C-alpha atoms as a PDB file:
ATOM      1  CA  UNK A   1     104.174 125.407  75.214  1.00  0.00           C
ATOM      2  CA  UNK A   2     104.932 122.052  76.926  1.00  0.00           C
ATOM      3  CA  UNK A   3     102.001 119.863  77.893  1.00  0.00           C
ATOM      4  CA  UNK A   4     101.079 119.772  81.572  1.00  0.00           C
ATOM      5  CA  UNK A   5     101.821 116.285  82.917  1.00  0.00           C
ATOM      6  CA  UNK A   6      98.809 114.282  83.966  1.00  0.00           C
ATOM      7  CA  UNK A   7      98.312 112.930  87.474  1.00  0.00           C
ATOM      8  CA  UNK A   8      99.351 109.454  86.319  1.00  0.00           C
ATOM      9  CA  UNK A   9     102.534 110.836  84.765  1.00  0.00           C
ATOM     10  CA  UNK A  10     103.406 112.749  87.936  1.00  0.00           C
ATOM     11  CA  UNK A  11     102.878 109.613  90.021  1.00  0.00           C
ATOM     12  CA  UNK A  12     105.003 107.481  87.700  1.00  0.00           C
ATOM     13  CA  UNK A  13     107.813 110.043  87.811  1.00  0.00           C
ATOM     14  CA  UNK A  14     107.764 110.482  91.587  1.00  0.00           C
ATOM     15  CA  UNK A  15     110.977 109.313  93.254  1.00  0.00           C
ATOM     16  CA  UNK A  16     109.057 107.544  96.029  1.00  0.00           C
ATOM     17  CA  UNK A  17     107.030 105.363  93.641  1.00  0.00           C
ATOM     18  CA  UNK A  18     109.389 102.400  93.479  1.00  0.00           C
ATOM     19  CA  UNK A  19     110.390 102.366  97.175  1.00  0.00           C
ATOM     20  CA  UNK A  20     106.722 102.452  98.195  1.00  0.00           C
ATOM     21  CA  UNK A  21     105.827  99.731  95.685  1.00  0.00           C
ATOM     22  CA  UNK A  22     108.729  97.610  96.957  1.00  0.00           C
ATOM     23  CA  UNK A  23     107.479  98.051 100.527  1.00  0.00           C
ATOM     24  CA  UNK A  24     103.964  97.028  99.484  1.00  0.00           C
ATOM     25  CA  UNK A  25     105.311  93.963  97.653  1.00  0.00           C
ATOM     26  CA  UNK A  26     107.233  92.899 100.768  1.00  0.00           C
ATOM     27  CA  UNK A  27     104.083  93.166 102.855  1.00  0.00           C
ATOM     28  CA  UNK A  28     102.156  91.099 100.283  1.00  0.00           C
ATOM     29  CA  UNK A  29     104.872  88.435 100.347  1.00  0.00           C
ATOM     30  CA  UNK A  30     104.484  88.208 104.115  1.00  0.00           C
ATOM     31  CA  UNK A  31     100.701  87.969 103.801  1.00  0.00           C
ATOM     32  CA  UNK A  32     101.064  85.099 101.339  1.00  0.00           C
ATOM     33  CA  UNK A  33     103.464  83.324 103.716  1.00  0.00           C
ATOM     34  CA  UNK A  34     101.311  84.031 106.781  1.00  0.00           C
ATOM     35  CA  UNK A  35      97.758  85.297 106.066  1.00  0.00           C
ATOM     36  CA  UNK A  36      97.453  86.780 109.565  1.00  0.00           C
ATOM     37  CA  UNK A  37     100.600  88.881 109.148  1.00  0.00           C
ATOM     38  CA  UNK A  38      98.744  92.205 108.979  1.00  0.00           C
ATOM     39  CA  UNK A  39      96.522  91.503 111.975  1.00  0.00           C
ATOM     40  CA  UNK A  40      96.728  94.165 114.676  1.00  0.00           C
ATOM     41  CA  UNK A  41      95.134  93.702 118.091  1.00  0.00           C
ATOM     42  CA  UNK A  42      94.546  95.884 121.112  1.00  0.00           C
ATOM     43  CA  UNK A  43      95.908  94.498 124.359  1.00  0.00           C
ATOM     44  CA  UNK A  44      96.255  96.300 127.695  1.00  0.00           C
ATOM     45  CA  UNK A  45      95.495  99.568 125.929  1.00  0.00           C
ATOM     46  CA  UNK A  46      98.323  99.143 123.379  1.00  0.00           C
ATOM     47  CA  UNK A  47      98.516  98.016 119.769  1.00  0.00           C
ATOM     48  CA  UNK A  48     100.305  94.742 119.067  1.00  0.00           C
ATOM     49  CA  UNK A  49     101.085  92.871 115.860  1.00  0.00           C
ATOM     50  CA  UNK A  50     103.686  92.444 113.145  1.00  0.00           C
ATOM     51  CA  UNK A  51     103.099  95.924 111.724  1.00  0.00           C
ATOM     52  CA  UNK A  52     103.583  97.458 115.160  1.00  0.00           C
ATOM     53  CA  UNK A  53     106.804  95.481 115.585  1.00  0.00           C
ATOM     54  CA  UNK A  54     108.029  96.686 112.188  1.00  0.00           C
ATOM     55  CA  UNK A  55     107.508 100.371 112.933  1.00  0.00           C
ATOM     56  CA  UNK A  56     109.073  99.957 116.394  1.00  0.00           C
ATOM     57  CA  UNK A  57     112.102  98.085 115.025  1.00  0.00           C
ATOM     58  CA  UNK A  58     112.503 100.654 112.244  1.00  0.00           C
ATOM     59  CA  UNK A  59     113.168 103.435 114.779  1.00  0.00           C
ATOM     60  CA  UNK A  60     116.964 102.920 115.214  1.00  0.00           C
ATOM     61  CA  UNK A  61     117.578 102.640 111.459  1.00  0.00           C
ATOM     62  CA  UNK A  62     115.311 105.624 110.809  1.00  0.00           C
ATOM     63  CA  UNK A  63     117.176 107.759 113.340  1.00  0.00           C
ATOM     64  CA  UNK A  64     120.614 106.845 111.996  1.00  0.00           C
ATOM     65  CA  UNK A  65     119.436 107.222 108.384  1.00  0.00           C
ATOM     66  CA  UNK A  66     118.010 110.664 109.187  1.00  0.00           C
ATOM     67  CA  UNK A  67     121.409 111.974 110.219  1.00  0.00           C
ATOM     68  CA  UNK A  68     123.058 110.106 107.356  1.00  0.00           C
ATOM     69  CA  UNK A  69     120.718 111.808 104.873  1.00  0.00           C
ATOM     70  CA  UNK A  70     121.975 115.274 105.723  1.00  0.00           C
ATOM     71  CA  UNK A  71     125.592 114.109 105.780  1.00  0.00           C
ATOM     72  CA  UNK A  72     125.256 112.514 102.342  1.00  0.00           C
ATOM     73  CA  UNK A  73     123.487 115.640 101.074  1.00  0.00           C
ATOM     74  CA  UNK A  74     126.734 117.545 101.761  1.00  0.00           C
ATOM     75  CA  UNK A  75     128.620 114.961  99.679  1.00  0.00           C
ATOM     76  CA  UNK A  76     129.912 113.183 102.780  1.00  0.00           C
ATOM     77  CA  UNK A  77     129.473 109.853 104.557  1.00  0.00           C
ATOM     78  CA  UNK A  78     129.475 108.789 108.205  1.00  0.00           C
ATOM     79  CA  UNK A  79     130.731 105.271 108.891  1.00  0.00           C
ATOM     80  CA  UNK A  80     131.030 105.868 112.636  1.00  0.00           C
ATOM     81  CA  UNK A  81     127.312 105.905 113.518  1.00  0.00           C
ATOM     82  CA  UNK A  82     127.314 102.294 114.714  1.00  0.00           C
ATOM     83  CA  UNK A  83     130.255 102.937 117.015  1.00  0.00           C
ATOM     84  CA  UNK A  84     128.665 106.155 118.286  1.00  0.00           C
ATOM     85  CA  UNK A  85     125.461 104.227 119.036  1.00  0.00           C
ATOM     86  CA  UNK A  86     127.516 101.723 121.050  1.00  0.00           C
ATOM     87  CA  UNK A  87     129.213 104.545 122.961  1.00  0.00           C
ATOM     88  CA  UNK A  88     125.844 106.126 123.787  1.00  0.00           C
ATOM     89  CA  UNK A  89     124.522 102.835 125.135  1.00  0.00           C
ATOM     90  CA  UNK A  90     127.715 102.171 127.095  1.00  0.00           C
ATOM     91  CA  UNK A  91     127.741 105.636 128.668  1.00  0.00           C
ATOM     92  CA  UNK A  92     124.042 105.538 129.572  1.00  0.00           C
ATOM     93  CA  UNK A  93     124.104 102.048 131.062  1.00  0.00           C
ATOM     94  CA  UNK A  94     127.245 102.622 133.131  1.00  0.00           C
ATOM     95  CA  UNK A  95     125.804 105.894 134.430  1.00  0.00           C
ATOM     96  CA  UNK A  96     122.580 104.144 135.442  1.00  0.00           C
ATOM     97  CA  UNK A  97     124.440 101.384 137.263  1.00  0.00           C
ATOM     98  CA  UNK A  98     126.683 103.879 139.032  1.00  0.00           C
ATOM     99  CA  UNK A  99     123.766 105.983 140.262  1.00  0.00           C
ATOM    100  CA  UNK A 100     122.525 105.798 143.839  1.00  0.00           C
ATOM    101  CA  UNK A 101     118.968 104.887 142.777  1.00  0.00           C
ATOM    102  CA  UNK A 102     119.254 102.756 139.652  1.00  0.00           C
ATOM    103  CA  UNK A 103     115.509 102.669 138.929  1.00  0.00           C
ATOM    104  CA  UNK A 104     114.714 106.366 139.367  1.00  0.00           C
ATOM    105  CA  UNK A 105     113.400 108.613 136.595  1.00  0.00           C
ATOM    106  CA  UNK A 106     116.072 111.223 137.320  1.00  0.00           C
ATOM    107  CA  UNK A 107     118.732 108.548 136.838  1.00  0.00           C
ATOM    108  CA  UNK A 108     117.398 107.651 133.394  1.00  0.00           C
ATOM    109  CA  UNK A 109     117.110 111.315 132.366  1.00  0.00           C
ATOM    110  CA  UNK A 110     120.635 112.193 133.490  1.00  0.00           C
ATOM    111  CA  UNK A 111     122.154 109.070 131.917  1.00  0.00           C
ATOM    112  CA  UNK A 112     120.486 109.579 128.536  1.00  0.00           C
ATOM    113  CA  UNK A 113     121.271 113.309 128.519  1.00  0.00           C
ATOM    114  CA  UNK A 114     124.920 112.647 129.307  1.00  0.00           C
ATOM    115  CA  UNK A 115     125.101 110.018 126.550  1.00  0.00           C
ATOM    116  CA  UNK A 116     123.484 112.300 123.961  1.00  0.00           C
ATOM    117  CA  UNK A 117     125.889 115.142 124.783  1.00  0.00           C
ATOM    118  CA  UNK A 118     128.853 112.793 124.357  1.00  0.00           C
ATOM    119  CA  UNK A 119     127.516 111.677 120.954  1.00  0.00           C
ATOM    120  CA  UNK A 120     127.011 115.254 119.744  1.00  0.00           C
ATOM    121  CA  UNK A 121     130.632 115.983 120.701  1.00  0.00           C
ATOM    122  CA  UNK A 122     131.795 112.894 118.783  1.00  0.00           C
ATOM    123  CA  UNK A 123     129.779 113.966 115.748  1.00  0.00           C
ATOM    124  CA  UNK A 124     131.306 117.436 115.981  1.00  0.00           C
ATOM    125  CA  UNK A 125     134.737 115.776 116.087  1.00  0.00           C
ATOM    126  CA  UNK A 126     133.961 114.106 112.757  1.00  0.00           C
ATOM    127  CA  UNK A 127     132.843 117.470 111.400  1.00  0.00           C
ATOM    128  CA  UNK A 128     136.095 119.038 112.561  1.00  0.00           C
ATOM    129  CA  UNK A 129     138.168 116.442 110.731  1.00  0.00           C
ATOM    130  CA  UNK A 130     136.147 116.840 107.531  1.00  0.00           C
ATOM    131  CA  UNK A 131     135.423 120.581 107.384  1.00  0.00           C
ATOM    132  CA  UNK A 132     138.454 122.120 109.069  1.00  0.00           C
ATOM    133  CA  UNK A 133     141.278 119.638 108.537  1.00  0.00           C
ATOM    134  CA  UNK A 134     140.040 118.607 105.088  1.00  0.00           C
ATOM    135  CA  UNK A 135     140.220 114.842 105.673  1.00  0.00           C
ATOM    136  CA  UNK A 136     138.081 112.752 103.330  1.00  0.00           C
ATOM    137  CA  UNK A 137     134.772 111.896 105.067  1.00  0.00           C
ATOM    138  CA  UNK A 138     135.155 108.149 104.583  1.00  0.00           C
ATOM    139  CA  UNK A 139     138.590 108.239 106.271  1.00  0.00           C
ATOM    140  CA  UNK A 140     137.636 110.715 108.993  1.00  0.00           C
ATOM    141  CA  UNK A 141     134.611 108.691 110.097  1.00  0.00           C
ATOM    142  CA  UNK A 142     136.433 105.380 109.659  1.00  0.00           C
ATOM    143  CA  UNK A 143     138.784 106.539 112.413  1.00  0.00           C
ATOM    144  CA  UNK A 144     135.941 106.825 114.913  1.00  0.00           C
ATOM    145  CA  UNK A 145     134.292 103.682 113.540  1.00  0.00           C
ATOM    146  CA  UNK A 146     137.354 101.723 114.652  1.00  0.00           C
ATOM    147  CA  UNK A 147     138.253 103.704 117.770  1.00  0.00           C
ATOM    148  CA  UNK A 148     134.633 104.017 118.907  1.00  0.00           C
ATOM    149  CA  UNK A 149     134.294 100.313 119.581  1.00  0.00           C
ATOM    150  CA  UNK A 150     137.403 100.487 121.735  1.00  0.00           C
ATOM    151  CA  UNK A 151     135.993 103.474 123.612  1.00  0.00           C
ATOM    152  CA  UNK A 152     132.699 101.704 124.299  1.00  0.00           C
ATOM    153  CA  UNK A 153     134.565  98.582 125.425  1.00  0.00           C
ATOM    154  CA  UNK A 154     136.686 100.698 127.756  1.00  0.00           C
ATOM    155  CA  UNK A 155     133.608 102.371 129.235  1.00  0.00           C
ATOM    156  CA  UNK A 156     132.013  99.001 130.034  1.00  0.00           C
ATOM    157  CA  UNK A 157     135.312  97.273 130.949  1.00  0.00           C
ATOM    158  CA  UNK A 158     134.626  94.800 128.158  1.00  0.00           C
ATOM    159  CA  UNK A 159     131.622  93.384 129.999  1.00  0.00           C
ATOM    160  CA  UNK A 160     127.969  93.036 128.985  1.00  0.00           C
ATOM    161  CA  UNK A 161     126.330  95.662 131.177  1.00  0.00           C
ATOM    162  CA  UNK A 162     122.745  95.056 132.313  1.00  0.00           C
ATOM    163  CA  UNK A 163     120.526  97.712 133.858  1.00  0.00           C
ATOM    164  CA  UNK A 164     117.215  97.699 135.696  1.00  0.00           C
ATOM    165  CA  UNK A 165     115.462 100.988 135.061  1.00  0.00           C
ATOM    166  CA  UNK A 166     111.837 100.904 133.829  1.00  0.00           C
ATOM    167  CA  UNK A 167     111.996 104.502 132.571  1.00  0.00           C
ATOM    168  CA  UNK A 168     114.994 103.667 130.408  1.00  0.00           C
ATOM    169  CA  UNK A 169     113.283 100.498 129.157  1.00  0.00           C
ATOM    170  CA  UNK A 170     110.303 102.570 127.993  1.00  0.00           C
ATOM    171  CA  UNK A 171     112.462 104.081 125.250  1.00  0.00           C
ATOM    172  CA  UNK A 172     112.061 100.773 123.391  1.00  0.00           C
ATOM    173  CA  UNK A 173     109.049  99.076 124.980  1.00  0.00           C
ATOM    174  CA  UNK A 174     106.931 102.044 126.028  1.00  0.00           C
ATOM    175  CA  UNK A 175     103.730 103.205 124.321  1.00  0.00           C
ATOM    176  CA  UNK A 176     102.149 106.629 123.898  1.00  0.00           C
ATOM    177  CA  UNK A 177      98.588 106.851 122.564  1.00  0.00           C
ATOM    178  CA  UNK A 178      98.789 103.087 121.802  1.00  0.00           C
ATOM    179  CA  UNK A 179     101.847 103.619 119.544  1.00  0.00           C
ATOM    180  CA  UNK A 180     105.464 102.563 120.287  1.00  0.00           C
ATOM    181  CA  UNK A 181     107.431 105.349 121.930  1.00  0.00           C
ATOM    182  CA  UNK A 182     110.583 104.492 119.945  1.00  0.00           C
ATOM    183  CA  UNK A 183     108.774 105.063 116.655  1.00  0.00           C
ATOM    184  CA  UNK A 184     107.269 108.321 117.923  1.00  0.00           C
ATOM    185  CA  UNK A 185     110.752 109.550 118.892  1.00  0.00           C
ATOM    186  CA  UNK A 186     112.025 108.761 115.389  1.00  0.00           C
ATOM    187  CA  UNK A 187     109.036 110.411 113.703  1.00  0.00           C
ATOM    188  CA  UNK A 188     109.390 113.428 115.984  1.00  0.00           C
ATOM    189  CA  UNK A 189     113.029 113.820 114.934  1.00  0.00           C
ATOM    190  CA  UNK A 190     112.032 113.518 111.264  1.00  0.00           C
ATOM    191  CA  UNK A 191     109.342 116.192 111.637  1.00  0.00           C
ATOM    192  CA  UNK A 192     111.724 118.493 113.499  1.00  0.00           C
ATOM    193  CA  UNK A 193     114.375 118.017 110.807  1.00  0.00           C
ATOM    194  CA  UNK A 194     111.831 118.640 108.057  1.00  0.00           C
ATOM    195  CA  UNK A 195     110.753 121.841 109.806  1.00  0.00           C
ATOM    196  CA  UNK A 196     114.330 123.086 110.087  1.00  0.00           C
ATOM    197  CA  UNK A 197     115.404 122.128 106.571  1.00  0.00           C
ATOM    198  CA  UNK A 198     112.255 122.910 104.582  1.00  0.00           C
ATOM    199  CA  UNK A 199     110.855 125.914 106.467  1.00  0.00           C
ATOM    200  CA  UNK A 200     114.181 127.714 106.816  1.00  0.00           C
ATOM    201  CA  UNK A 201     117.149 128.279 104.520  1.00  0.00           C
ATOM    202  CA  UNK A 202     119.122 125.456 106.161  1.00  0.00           C
ATOM    203  CA  UNK A 203     117.979 122.818 103.674  1.00  0.00           C
ATOM    204  CA  UNK A 204     118.898 125.000 100.708  1.00  0.00           C
ATOM    205  CA  UNK A 205     122.328 125.710 102.198  1.00  0.00           C
ATOM    206  CA  UNK A 206     122.944 121.991 102.775  1.00  0.00           C
ATOM    207  CA  UNK A 207     122.005 121.242  99.162  1.00  0.00           C
ATOM    208  CA  UNK A 208     124.194 124.094  97.905  1.00  0.00           C
ATOM    209  CA  UNK A 209     127.219 122.748  99.785  1.00  0.00           C
ATOM    210  CA  UNK A 210     126.560 119.259  98.405  1.00  0.00           C
ATOM    211  CA  UNK A 211     126.139 120.388  94.808  1.00  0.00           C
ATOM    212  CA  UNK A 212     129.243 122.586  94.684  1.00  0.00           C
ATOM    213  CA  UNK A 213     131.128 123.372  97.900  1.00  0.00           C
ATOM    214  CA  UNK A 214     133.479 125.877  96.256  1.00  0.00           C
ATOM    215  CA  UNK A 215     130.717 127.797  94.493  1.00  0.00           C
ATOM    216  CA  UNK A 216     128.654 127.910  97.686  1.00  0.00           C
ATOM    217  CA  UNK A 217     131.674 129.272  99.576  1.00  0.00           C
ATOM    218  CA  UNK A 218     132.198 131.988  96.980  1.00  0.00           C
ATOM    219  CA  UNK A 219     128.502 132.828  97.252  1.00  0.00           C
ATOM    220  CA  UNK A 220     128.927 133.513 100.962  1.00  0.00           C
ATOM    221  CA  UNK A 221     127.721 130.192 102.390  1.00  0.00           C
ATOM    222  CA  UNK A 222     129.685 129.059 105.440  1.00  0.00           C
ATOM    223  CA  UNK A 223     130.328 125.562 104.149  1.00  0.00           C
ATOM    224  CA  UNK A 224     132.480 124.583 107.125  1.00  0.00           C
ATOM    225  CA  UNK A 225     129.740 125.475 109.590  1.00  0.00           C
ATOM    226  CA  UNK A 226     127.124 123.575 107.580  1.00  0.00           C
ATOM    227  CA  UNK A 227     129.295 120.460 107.366  1.00  0.00           C
ATOM    228  CA  UNK A 228     130.185 120.681 111.045  1.00  0.00           C
ATOM    229  CA  UNK A 229     126.502 120.975 111.927  1.00  0.00           C
ATOM    230  CA  UNK A 230     125.318 117.955 109.913  1.00  0.00           C
ATOM    231  CA  UNK A 231     127.990 115.683 111.388  1.00  0.00           C
ATOM    232  CA  UNK A 232     127.079 116.799 114.911  1.00  0.00           C
ATOM    233  CA  UNK A 233     123.426 116.113 114.059  1.00  0.00           C
ATOM    234  CA  UNK A 234     124.387 112.674 112.742  1.00  0.00           C
ATOM    235  CA  UNK A 235     126.088 111.973 116.076  1.00  0.00           C
ATOM    236  CA  UNK A 236     122.923 113.046 117.903  1.00  0.00           C
ATOM    237  CA  UNK A 237     120.735 110.719 115.826  1.00  0.00           C
ATOM    238  CA  UNK A 238     123.168 107.817 116.243  1.00  0.00           C
ATOM    239  CA  UNK A 239     123.202 108.379 120.001  1.00  0.00           C
ATOM    240  CA  UNK A 240     119.406 108.272 120.202  1.00  0.00           C
ATOM    241  CA  UNK A 241     119.414 105.077 118.132  1.00  0.00           C
ATOM    242  CA  UNK A 242     121.946 103.481 120.468  1.00  0.00           C
ATOM    243  CA  UNK A 243     119.800 104.336 123.492  1.00  0.00           C
ATOM    244  CA  UNK A 244     116.736 102.739 121.871  1.00  0.00           C
ATOM    245  CA  UNK A 245     118.691  99.578 121.012  1.00  0.00           C
ATOM    246  CA  UNK A 246     120.105  99.287 124.537  1.00  0.00           C
ATOM    247  CA  UNK A 247     116.686  99.921 126.100  1.00  0.00           C
ATOM    248  CA  UNK A 248     115.249  97.067 124.047  1.00  0.00           C
ATOM    249  CA  UNK A 249     117.392  94.549 125.919  1.00  0.00           C
ATOM    250  CA  UNK A 250     118.138  96.583 129.067  1.00  0.00           C
ATOM    251  CA  UNK A 251     121.790  95.910 128.404  1.00  0.00           C
ATOM    252  CA  UNK A 252     124.736  96.860 126.248  1.00  0.00           C
ATOM    253  CA  UNK A 253     127.243  94.610 124.513  1.00  0.00           C
ATOM    254  CA  UNK A 254     129.735  97.195 123.296  1.00  0.00           C
ATOM    255  CA  UNK A 255     131.233  94.740 120.828  1.00  0.00           C
ATOM    256  CA  UNK A 256     128.027  94.133 118.865  1.00  0.00           C
ATOM    257  CA  UNK A 257     125.488  96.883 119.611  1.00  0.00           C
ATOM    258  CA  UNK A 258     124.779  98.855 116.459  1.00  0.00           C
ATOM    259  CA  UNK A 259     127.075  96.656 114.400  1.00  0.00           C
ATOM    260  CA  UNK A 260     126.552  97.308 110.656  1.00  0.00           C
ATOM    261  CA  UNK A 261     123.684  99.711 111.301  1.00  0.00           C
ATOM    262  CA  UNK A 262     125.592 102.244 109.228  1.00  0.00           C
ATOM    263  CA  UNK A 263     125.133 100.011 106.187  1.00  0.00           C
ATOM    264  CA  UNK A 264     121.388  99.710 106.781  1.00  0.00           C
ATOM    265  CA  UNK A 265     121.216 103.479 107.153  1.00  0.00           C
ATOM    266  CA  UNK A 266     123.078 104.106 103.897  1.00  0.00           C
ATOM    267  CA  UNK A 267     120.820 101.612 102.114  1.00  0.00           C
ATOM    268  CA  UNK A 268     117.722 103.314 103.537  1.00  0.00           C
ATOM    269  CA  UNK A 269     118.967 106.700 102.324  1.00  0.00           C
ATOM    270  CA  UNK A 270     119.779 105.408  98.831  1.00  0.00           C
ATOM    271  CA  UNK A 271     116.497 103.504  98.540  1.00  0.00           C
ATOM    272  CA  UNK A 272     114.708 106.715  99.514  1.00  0.00           C
ATOM    273  CA  UNK A 273     116.181 108.509  96.524  1.00  0.00           C
ATOM    274  CA  UNK A 274     118.954 110.633  98.048  1.00  0.00           C
ATOM    275  CA  UNK A 275     121.985 110.684  95.762  1.00  0.00           C
ATOM    276  CA  UNK A 276     125.376 109.692  97.133  1.00  0.00           C
ATOM    277  CA  UNK A 277     126.811 112.451  94.931  1.00  0.00           C
ATOM    278  CA  UNK A 278     125.323 115.069  97.264  1.00  0.00           C
ATOM    279  CA  UNK A 279     122.840 117.842  96.621  1.00  0.00           C
ATOM    280  CA  UNK A 280     119.111 117.252  96.890  1.00  0.00           C
ATOM    281  CA  UNK A 281     117.813 114.948  99.609  1.00  0.00           C
ATOM    282  CA  UNK A 282     114.483 113.398 100.582  1.00  0.00           C
ATOM    283  CA  UNK A 283     113.499 112.970 104.220  1.00  0.00           C
ATOM    284  CA  UNK A 284     110.261 111.231 103.245  1.00  0.00           C
ATOM    285  CA  UNK A 285     112.274 108.837 101.111  1.00  0.00           C
ATOM    286  CA  UNK A 286     114.540 108.081 104.049  1.00  0.00           C
ATOM    287  CA  UNK A 287     111.507 107.192 106.184  1.00  0.00           C
ATOM    288  CA  UNK A 288     110.229 104.834 103.474  1.00  0.00           C
ATOM    289  CA  UNK A 289     113.711 103.343 103.109  1.00  0.00           C
ATOM    290  CA  UNK A 290     113.971 102.683 106.851  1.00  0.00           C
ATOM    291  CA  UNK A 291     110.548 101.029 106.891  1.00  0.00           C
ATOM    292  CA  UNK A 292     111.617  98.944 103.886  1.00  0.00           C
ATOM    293  CA  UNK A 293     114.782  97.761 105.666  1.00  0.00           C
ATOM    294  CA  UNK A 294     112.823  96.898 108.836  1.00  0.00           C
ATOM    295  CA  UNK A 295     110.169  95.048 106.821  1.00  0.00           C
ATOM    296  CA  UNK A 296     112.805  93.157 104.861  1.00  0.00           C
ATOM    297  CA  UNK A 297     114.518  92.112 108.103  1.00  0.00           C
ATOM    298  CA  UNK A 298     111.166  90.782 109.330  1.00  0.00           C
ATOM    299  CA  UNK A 299     110.379  89.107 106.003  1.00  0.00           C
ATOM    300  CA  UNK A 300     113.524  86.988 105.768  1.00  0.00           C
ATOM    301  CA  UNK A 301     112.742  84.629 108.697  1.00  0.00           C
ATOM    302  CA  UNK A 302     109.010  84.882 108.031  1.00  0.00           C
ATOM    303  CA  UNK A 303     109.313  83.218 104.620  1.00  0.00           C
ATOM    304  CA  UNK A 304     111.796  80.618 105.820  1.00  0.00           C
ATOM    305  CA  UNK A 305     115.048  82.022 104.432  1.00  0.00           C
ATOM    306  CA  UNK A 306     117.953  80.315 106.269  1.00  0.00           C
ATOM    307  CA  UNK A 307     119.943  82.623 108.501  1.00  0.00           C
ATOM    308  CA  UNK A 308     123.116  81.637 106.638  1.00  0.00           C
ATOM    309  CA  UNK A 309     121.988  83.421 103.447  1.00  0.00           C
ATOM    310  CA  UNK A 310     119.876  86.251 104.848  1.00  0.00           C
ATOM    311  CA  UNK A 311     122.478  88.896 104.043  1.00  0.00           C
ATOM    312  CA  UNK A 312     122.712  87.646 100.456  1.00  0.00           C
ATOM    313  CA  UNK A 313     118.934  87.757 100.087  1.00  0.00           C
ATOM    314  CA  UNK A 314     118.872  91.237 101.578  1.00  0.00           C
ATOM    315  CA  UNK A 315     121.547  92.437  99.157  1.00  0.00           C
ATOM    316  CA  UNK A 316     119.682  91.032  96.135  1.00  0.00           C
ATOM    317  CA  UNK A 317     116.434  92.749  97.120  1.00  0.00           C
ATOM    318  CA  UNK A 318     118.135  96.084  97.758  1.00  0.00           C
ATOM    319  CA  UNK A 319     119.965  95.917  94.416  1.00  0.00           C
ATOM    320  CA  UNK A 320     116.668  95.191  92.647  1.00  0.00           C
ATOM    321  CA  UNK A 321     114.987  98.217  94.266  1.00  0.00           C
ATOM    322  CA  UNK A 322     117.910 100.483  93.381  1.00  0.00           C
ATOM    323  CA  UNK A 323     117.849  99.285  89.762  1.00  0.00           C
ATOM    324  CA  UNK A 324     114.137 100.012  89.537  1.00  0.00           C
ATOM    325  CA  UNK A 325     114.878 103.564  90.672  1.00  0.00           C
ATOM    326  CA  UNK A 326     117.649 104.051  88.119  1.00  0.00           C
ATOM    327  CA  UNK A 327     116.522 105.892  84.942  1.00  0.00           C
ATOM    328  CA  UNK A 328     119.299 104.216  82.936  1.00  0.00           C
ATOM    329  CA  UNK A 329     118.265 100.736  84.091  1.00  0.00           C
ATOM    330  CA  UNK A 330     114.616 101.429  83.263  1.00  0.00           C
ATOM    331  CA  UNK A 331     115.627 102.761  79.846  1.00  0.00           C
ATOM    332  CA  UNK A 332     117.472  99.528  79.088  1.00  0.00           C
ATOM    333  CA  UNK A 333     114.450  97.467  80.117  1.00  0.00           C
ATOM    334  CA  UNK A 334     111.979  99.603  78.183  1.00  0.00           C
ATOM    335  CA  UNK A 335     110.918  98.094  74.843  1.00  0.00           C
ATOM    336  CA  UNK A 336     111.311 100.686  72.108  1.00  0.00           C
ATOM    337  CA  UNK A 337     108.506 100.931  69.562  1.00  0.00           C
ATOM    338  CA  UNK A 338     109.468  99.786  66.021  1.00  0.00           C
ATOM    339  CA  UNK A 339     110.392 102.746  63.889  1.00  0.00           C
ATOM    340  CA  UNK A 340     110.512 105.137  66.842  1.00  0.00           C
ATOM    341  CA  UNK A 341     113.017 107.965  66.336  1.00  0.00           C
ATOM    342  CA  UNK A 342     116.193 107.911  68.361  1.00  0.00           C
ATOM    343  CA  UNK A 343     118.460 110.633  69.663  1.00  0.00           C
ATOM    344  CA  UNK A 344     122.086 111.080  68.698  1.00  0.00           C
ATOM    345  CA  UNK A 345     123.231 108.970  71.655  1.00  0.00           C
ATOM    346  CA  UNK A 346     120.976 106.086  70.641  1.00  0.00           C
ATOM    347  CA  UNK A 347     118.380 106.621  73.371  1.00  0.00           C
ATOM    348  CA  UNK A 348     114.688 106.585  72.438  1.00  0.00           C
ATOM    349  CA  UNK A 349     113.384 110.041  71.521  1.00  0.00           C
END
């Protein structure tokens, strides 16, 4: 009868161990650079500080990574999320400007609703190309990644569009119960997704499609519907992220808004332990990965890294975290005891 693993063994084997440790190390590095980094203060009934800024700035990446997690779990990829975010911002801002009362609550609600609906339709378009027409996900979403920027530029006439609507601004700068509204929106979406995927059969069906699409189809799973659904959901999450980014500056630059956010989202998903080969996924890991990316973005200028090499530094750190998660990399680094038996493949027994 196999021995029951101890608490320490279960902790050491948990997939979130290394991402969480990496996040803690980043925070310690910031504390060493600036001892007051973790200070949080109450001002005007709201919490302020570097930690509050990190969780607020993590919201767009967390939203995009949430949708990306389910897409990757079906053995797909969505490169168009940055372009979809730009389209959402462009649609919302142009609708606000074109309204009769630019600063009204109803204007903000209608503009954001219209933008979200457009993004869900765009996500469903990606799902159509992948699930029905059988186009490879990387090619299908690359189409919208390229065309989406042109669409957003056409919507804004190639101009930087600025809005003046306090209700819209609250998406990024607002607070609820002293916490940033943007972060609460992201967490709310994560909790809703967890409820739908872990308390119903949806999560199991997504994993089944990712592990073996053909076998799941023969077992009666509607793989096309599942794939279509996750791409539409990815479009929804990207649209919400684009609205938060635009609300942060009360403007939209269709050429740069959400640029490369798809790469941050993929990194957050991988750091969180979700395999790019499809199958099992971790929503909690995605949250940790998004917080790691946001903390790393804050750390780079905080420790004096020149802006010219920040992407290189970011890549090195992400590679290090991914290697620490890799069982093969850890096996190579592990020192084998002298005289310890080995398996047929040469690995330690």
